[in-house]
N, C-alpha and C. Protein backbone atom coordinates (compact mmCIF):
# COMPACT_ATOMS: atom_id res chain seq x y z
N MET A 1 -8.32 10.55 -81.82
CA MET A 1 -7.10 10.29 -81.15
C MET A 1 -6.85 11.34 -80.07
N GLN A 2 -7.12 12.54 -80.38
CA GLN A 2 -6.93 13.60 -79.42
C GLN A 2 -7.84 13.40 -78.21
N ASN A 3 -9.00 12.85 -78.43
CA ASN A 3 -9.95 12.58 -77.37
C ASN A 3 -9.42 11.50 -76.43
N SER A 4 -8.79 10.48 -76.95
CA SER A 4 -8.25 9.41 -76.11
C SER A 4 -7.03 9.89 -75.37
N GLN A 5 -6.25 10.78 -75.97
CA GLN A 5 -5.09 11.35 -75.26
C GLN A 5 -5.58 12.22 -74.10
N ALA A 6 -6.67 12.96 -74.31
CA ALA A 6 -7.22 13.79 -73.25
C ALA A 6 -7.72 12.91 -72.11
N LYS A 7 -8.35 11.77 -72.46
CA LYS A 7 -8.82 10.84 -71.41
C LYS A 7 -7.64 10.27 -70.65
N ASP A 8 -6.57 9.89 -71.39
CA ASP A 8 -5.38 9.35 -70.74
C ASP A 8 -4.74 10.39 -69.83
N LEU A 9 -4.65 11.64 -70.33
CA LEU A 9 -4.08 12.71 -69.54
C LEU A 9 -4.93 12.97 -68.30
N PHE A 10 -6.24 13.00 -68.45
CA PHE A 10 -7.14 13.19 -67.31
C PHE A 10 -7.00 12.04 -66.32
N GLN A 11 -6.89 10.82 -66.84
CA GLN A 11 -6.74 9.65 -65.98
C GLN A 11 -5.41 9.72 -65.23
N LEU A 12 -4.34 10.14 -65.90
CA LEU A 12 -3.04 10.27 -65.25
C LEU A 12 -3.08 11.35 -64.17
N GLN A 13 -3.75 12.47 -64.48
CA GLN A 13 -3.87 13.54 -63.49
C GLN A 13 -4.67 13.05 -62.27
N THR A 14 -5.73 12.32 -62.53
CA THR A 14 -6.54 11.76 -61.44
C THR A 14 -5.73 10.81 -60.59
N GLU A 15 -4.97 9.93 -61.22
CA GLU A 15 -4.14 8.98 -60.49
C GLU A 15 -3.06 9.72 -59.69
N LEU A 16 -2.47 10.77 -60.31
CA LEU A 16 -1.45 11.56 -59.62
C LEU A 16 -2.04 12.26 -58.40
N ILE A 17 -3.22 12.82 -58.52
CA ILE A 17 -3.88 13.46 -57.39
C ILE A 17 -4.19 12.44 -56.29
N GLU A 18 -4.68 11.26 -56.68
CA GLU A 18 -4.97 10.20 -55.71
C GLU A 18 -3.70 9.77 -54.98
N MET A 19 -2.60 9.69 -55.71
CA MET A 19 -1.33 9.30 -55.09
C MET A 19 -0.86 10.37 -54.12
N LYS A 20 -1.02 11.66 -54.52
CA LYS A 20 -0.62 12.74 -53.62
C LYS A 20 -1.48 12.74 -52.36
N VAL A 21 -2.78 12.51 -52.53
CA VAL A 21 -3.67 12.44 -51.37
C VAL A 21 -3.28 11.28 -50.49
N ASP A 22 -3.01 10.12 -51.09
CA ASP A 22 -2.59 8.94 -50.32
C ASP A 22 -1.30 9.23 -49.55
N MET A 23 -0.34 9.89 -50.22
CA MET A 23 0.93 10.21 -49.56
C MET A 23 0.70 11.20 -48.41
N ALA A 24 -0.15 12.20 -48.65
CA ALA A 24 -0.43 13.18 -47.60
C ALA A 24 -1.12 12.52 -46.42
N VAL A 25 -2.08 11.67 -46.68
CA VAL A 25 -2.78 10.95 -45.61
C VAL A 25 -1.81 10.03 -44.88
N SER A 26 -0.96 9.35 -45.64
CA SER A 26 0.01 8.44 -45.04
C SER A 26 0.96 9.20 -44.13
N LYS A 27 1.45 10.38 -44.60
CA LYS A 27 2.34 11.19 -43.77
C LYS A 27 1.62 11.68 -42.52
N ALA A 28 0.35 12.08 -42.68
CA ALA A 28 -0.42 12.55 -41.52
C ALA A 28 -0.61 11.43 -40.52
N ILE A 29 -0.89 10.24 -41.02
CA ILE A 29 -1.05 9.08 -40.12
C ILE A 29 0.27 8.77 -39.44
N ASP A 30 1.37 8.81 -40.19
CA ASP A 30 2.68 8.55 -39.58
C ASP A 30 3.00 9.57 -38.50
N ARG A 31 2.71 10.85 -38.75
CA ARG A 31 2.94 11.89 -37.74
C ARG A 31 2.07 11.64 -36.51
N ALA A 32 0.81 11.29 -36.74
CA ALA A 32 -0.09 11.02 -35.61
C ALA A 32 0.41 9.83 -34.80
N VAL A 33 0.86 8.78 -35.49
CA VAL A 33 1.38 7.60 -34.79
C VAL A 33 2.63 7.97 -34.00
N THR A 34 3.50 8.78 -34.59
CA THR A 34 4.72 9.20 -33.90
C THR A 34 4.38 10.04 -32.67
N GLN A 35 3.45 10.96 -32.82
CA GLN A 35 3.04 11.79 -31.69
C GLN A 35 2.39 10.95 -30.59
N LEU A 36 1.57 9.99 -30.98
CA LEU A 36 0.96 9.09 -29.98
C LEU A 36 2.03 8.26 -29.28
N SER A 37 3.01 7.77 -30.03
CA SER A 37 4.09 6.99 -29.43
C SER A 37 4.87 7.84 -28.44
N ASP A 38 5.18 9.09 -28.84
CA ASP A 38 5.89 9.99 -27.93
C ASP A 38 5.06 10.28 -26.69
N LEU A 39 3.76 10.49 -26.89
CA LEU A 39 2.87 10.76 -25.77
C LEU A 39 2.81 9.57 -24.83
N ILE A 40 2.69 8.39 -25.38
CA ILE A 40 2.64 7.17 -24.56
C ILE A 40 3.94 6.98 -23.80
N ALA A 41 5.08 7.24 -24.49
CA ALA A 41 6.38 7.12 -23.82
C ALA A 41 6.48 8.14 -22.68
N GLY A 42 5.98 9.37 -22.91
CA GLY A 42 6.00 10.38 -21.86
C GLY A 42 5.13 9.99 -20.68
N VAL A 43 3.96 9.47 -20.98
CA VAL A 43 3.05 9.03 -19.90
C VAL A 43 3.69 7.87 -19.14
N ARG A 44 4.30 6.96 -19.88
CA ARG A 44 4.96 5.81 -19.24
C ARG A 44 6.07 6.29 -18.32
N ASP A 45 6.88 7.25 -18.78
CA ASP A 45 7.94 7.80 -17.93
C ASP A 45 7.36 8.50 -16.71
N GLU A 46 6.29 9.23 -16.91
CA GLU A 46 5.64 9.93 -15.80
C GLU A 46 5.10 8.94 -14.77
N VAL A 47 4.45 7.89 -15.23
CA VAL A 47 3.92 6.87 -14.33
C VAL A 47 5.05 6.16 -13.60
N HIS A 48 6.14 5.89 -14.32
CA HIS A 48 7.29 5.23 -13.70
C HIS A 48 7.87 6.12 -12.60
N GLY A 49 7.98 7.43 -12.88
CA GLY A 49 8.47 8.36 -11.87
C GLY A 49 7.54 8.43 -10.67
N LEU A 50 6.24 8.49 -10.93
CA LEU A 50 5.27 8.52 -9.82
C LEU A 50 5.33 7.24 -9.00
N ARG A 51 5.51 6.11 -9.69
CA ARG A 51 5.61 4.84 -8.98
C ARG A 51 6.82 4.83 -8.06
N GLY A 52 7.95 5.32 -8.56
CA GLY A 52 9.15 5.39 -7.73
C GLY A 52 8.96 6.31 -6.54
N GLU A 53 8.34 7.47 -6.78
CA GLU A 53 8.09 8.41 -5.69
C GLU A 53 7.14 7.81 -4.66
N MET A 54 6.08 7.14 -5.13
CA MET A 54 5.12 6.53 -4.20
C MET A 54 5.79 5.40 -3.40
N ASN A 55 6.63 4.61 -4.07
CA ASN A 55 7.34 3.55 -3.34
C ASN A 55 8.23 4.13 -2.25
N ALA A 56 8.91 5.25 -2.58
CA ALA A 56 9.77 5.88 -1.57
C ALA A 56 8.93 6.40 -0.41
N ARG A 57 7.82 7.05 -0.71
CA ARG A 57 6.97 7.57 0.37
C ARG A 57 6.35 6.46 1.19
N LEU A 58 5.90 5.40 0.53
CA LEU A 58 5.31 4.28 1.27
C LEU A 58 6.36 3.59 2.14
N SER A 59 7.59 3.52 1.63
CA SER A 59 8.66 2.93 2.43
C SER A 59 8.90 3.77 3.68
N SER A 60 8.86 5.10 3.53
CA SER A 60 9.03 6.00 4.67
C SER A 60 7.89 5.81 5.66
N VAL A 61 6.66 5.73 5.16
CA VAL A 61 5.50 5.52 6.03
C VAL A 61 5.60 4.17 6.73
N GLU A 62 6.06 3.16 5.99
CA GLU A 62 6.19 1.82 6.58
C GLU A 62 7.22 1.85 7.72
N GLN A 63 8.34 2.55 7.50
CA GLN A 63 9.35 2.64 8.55
C GLN A 63 8.80 3.35 9.78
N ARG A 64 8.03 4.42 9.56
CA ARG A 64 7.41 5.12 10.68
C ARG A 64 6.44 4.21 11.43
N LEU A 65 5.65 3.47 10.66
CA LEU A 65 4.68 2.57 11.26
C LEU A 65 5.36 1.50 12.08
N ILE A 66 6.45 0.98 11.57
CA ILE A 66 7.20 -0.05 12.31
C ILE A 66 7.74 0.55 13.61
N ALA A 67 8.24 1.79 13.53
CA ALA A 67 8.75 2.44 14.75
C ALA A 67 7.64 2.63 15.77
N VAL A 68 6.46 3.06 15.30
CA VAL A 68 5.33 3.25 16.21
C VAL A 68 4.89 1.92 16.80
N GLU A 69 4.80 0.89 15.95
CA GLU A 69 4.39 -0.43 16.45
C GLU A 69 5.40 -0.95 17.47
N THR A 70 6.67 -0.71 17.22
CA THR A 70 7.69 -1.17 18.16
C THR A 70 7.54 -0.45 19.49
N LYS A 71 7.33 0.86 19.42
CA LYS A 71 7.16 1.63 20.65
C LYS A 71 5.91 1.20 21.39
N LEU A 72 4.81 1.01 20.67
CA LEU A 72 3.58 0.55 21.30
C LEU A 72 3.74 -0.85 21.85
N GLY A 73 4.48 -1.69 21.13
CA GLY A 73 4.73 -3.05 21.60
C GLY A 73 5.48 -3.05 22.91
N ILE A 74 6.47 -2.16 23.02
CA ILE A 74 7.22 -2.06 24.28
C ILE A 74 6.31 -1.58 25.39
N LYS A 75 5.46 -0.58 25.09
CA LYS A 75 4.51 -0.11 26.11
C LYS A 75 3.55 -1.22 26.48
N ASN A 76 3.07 -1.97 25.50
CA ASN A 76 2.15 -3.07 25.80
C ASN A 76 2.82 -4.13 26.63
N ILE A 77 4.07 -4.44 26.33
CA ILE A 77 4.80 -5.42 27.13
C ILE A 77 4.94 -4.91 28.56
N PHE A 78 5.26 -3.62 28.71
CA PHE A 78 5.42 -3.02 30.02
C PHE A 78 4.11 -3.08 30.81
N HIS A 79 3.01 -2.68 30.15
CA HIS A 79 1.71 -2.72 30.82
C HIS A 79 1.28 -4.15 31.12
N THR A 80 1.56 -5.07 30.22
CA THR A 80 1.22 -6.47 30.45
C THR A 80 2.01 -7.02 31.63
N GLU A 81 3.29 -6.65 31.71
CA GLU A 81 4.13 -7.11 32.82
C GLU A 81 3.62 -6.55 34.15
N ILE A 82 3.26 -5.29 34.17
CA ILE A 82 2.73 -4.68 35.40
C ILE A 82 1.44 -5.38 35.80
N ARG A 83 0.55 -5.59 34.83
CA ARG A 83 -0.72 -6.25 35.12
C ARG A 83 -0.47 -7.66 35.64
N SER A 84 0.44 -8.38 35.02
CA SER A 84 0.73 -9.75 35.42
C SER A 84 1.29 -9.80 36.85
N ARG A 85 2.23 -8.91 37.14
CA ARG A 85 2.81 -8.92 38.49
C ARG A 85 1.80 -8.48 39.54
N THR A 86 0.95 -7.50 39.18
CA THR A 86 -0.08 -7.06 40.13
C THR A 86 -1.04 -8.20 40.46
N LEU A 87 -1.46 -8.93 39.42
CA LEU A 87 -2.34 -10.08 39.67
C LEU A 87 -1.63 -11.15 40.48
N ASP A 88 -0.36 -11.37 40.18
CA ASP A 88 0.40 -12.39 40.91
C ASP A 88 0.52 -12.03 42.38
N TYR A 89 0.89 -10.75 42.66
CA TYR A 89 1.02 -10.33 44.05
C TYR A 89 -0.34 -10.32 44.75
N SER A 90 -1.38 -9.94 44.04
CA SER A 90 -2.73 -9.94 44.64
C SER A 90 -3.14 -11.37 44.99
N PHE A 91 -2.84 -12.31 44.11
CA PHE A 91 -3.16 -13.71 44.36
C PHE A 91 -2.40 -14.22 45.59
N LYS A 92 -1.11 -13.88 45.67
CA LYS A 92 -0.30 -14.31 46.82
C LYS A 92 -0.83 -13.68 48.11
N ALA A 93 -1.20 -12.39 48.03
CA ALA A 93 -1.74 -11.72 49.22
C ALA A 93 -3.06 -12.35 49.63
N GLY A 94 -3.87 -12.76 48.66
CA GLY A 94 -5.14 -13.44 48.98
C GLY A 94 -4.89 -14.74 49.69
N TRP A 95 -3.93 -15.53 49.19
CA TRP A 95 -3.61 -16.80 49.85
C TRP A 95 -3.08 -16.55 51.27
N LEU A 96 -2.27 -15.51 51.40
CA LEU A 96 -1.72 -15.19 52.72
C LEU A 96 -2.84 -14.80 53.69
N ALA A 97 -3.77 -13.97 53.20
CA ALA A 97 -4.89 -13.56 54.05
C ALA A 97 -5.76 -14.77 54.40
N LEU A 98 -6.01 -15.65 53.43
CA LEU A 98 -6.81 -16.84 53.69
C LEU A 98 -6.12 -17.76 54.70
N GLY A 99 -4.81 -17.95 54.50
CA GLY A 99 -4.04 -18.78 55.46
C GLY A 99 -4.04 -18.17 56.84
N GLY A 100 -3.86 -16.84 56.91
CA GLY A 100 -3.88 -16.16 58.21
C GLY A 100 -5.24 -16.29 58.86
N GLY A 101 -6.32 -16.17 58.09
CA GLY A 101 -7.67 -16.32 58.63
C GLY A 101 -7.90 -17.73 59.15
N ILE A 102 -7.46 -18.71 58.40
CA ILE A 102 -7.62 -20.11 58.85
C ILE A 102 -6.82 -20.35 60.12
N MET A 103 -5.60 -19.81 60.17
CA MET A 103 -4.78 -19.98 61.38
C MET A 103 -5.46 -19.31 62.59
N TYR A 104 -6.02 -18.14 62.38
CA TYR A 104 -6.71 -17.44 63.47
C TYR A 104 -7.89 -18.26 63.97
N VAL A 105 -8.67 -18.81 63.01
CA VAL A 105 -9.82 -19.63 63.40
C VAL A 105 -9.34 -20.88 64.15
N MET A 106 -8.28 -21.49 63.70
CA MET A 106 -7.77 -22.69 64.38
C MET A 106 -7.30 -22.36 65.80
N VAL A 107 -6.59 -21.26 65.94
CA VAL A 107 -6.12 -20.86 67.27
C VAL A 107 -7.31 -20.55 68.16
N LEU A 108 -8.31 -19.87 67.61
CA LEU A 108 -9.50 -19.52 68.38
C LEU A 108 -10.25 -20.78 68.80
N VAL A 109 -10.42 -21.71 67.88
CA VAL A 109 -11.10 -22.97 68.20
C VAL A 109 -10.28 -23.74 69.25
N HIS A 110 -8.99 -23.77 69.11
CA HIS A 110 -8.14 -24.49 70.05
C HIS A 110 -8.23 -23.89 71.45
N THR A 111 -8.21 -22.56 71.52
CA THR A 111 -8.33 -21.94 72.83
C THR A 111 -9.68 -22.17 73.46
N LEU A 112 -10.73 -22.24 72.65
CA LEU A 112 -12.06 -22.51 73.18
C LEU A 112 -12.17 -23.96 73.66
N LEU A 113 -11.56 -24.87 72.96
CA LEU A 113 -11.63 -26.26 73.33
C LEU A 113 -10.75 -26.57 74.54
N VAL A 114 -9.66 -25.91 74.68
CA VAL A 114 -8.74 -26.18 75.76
C VAL A 114 -9.28 -25.64 77.07
N ARG A 115 -10.00 -24.65 77.11
CA ARG A 115 -10.51 -24.09 78.32
C ARG A 115 -11.49 -24.95 78.96
C-alpha cells in the first residue's frame, strides 16, 4: 500500500510540475504575443506617420511642379505667339515682295512694248 501511495504521490508531483511548466510556457507565450502586438501597433503608427509626412511633402512638391509648369506654359505660349506672328509677318512680307516684283516686271514689259 505504501508503494502505491508513493506512486500516486510521484504521479501527482509529476502532473503538478507539468502544469507549472504549461502555465509558465503559456505566460511566456502570452507575453511574447503582447509584445509582438505592441511592436506591430508601434510599427503601424510609425508607418502611418511616415505616410502622412510623405503625403504632405509630395503635395508640396506637386504644388511647386504645378507652379513651374504654369510658368513654363506661359513662357511657351509667349514664345509660340512670337514665332506665330514672326511667321505671319514673314509670309505677308514675302507676298508683298512677290507682288512688288510682279508689278515691276509688268511695268517693265509694258514700257518695252509701248516704245
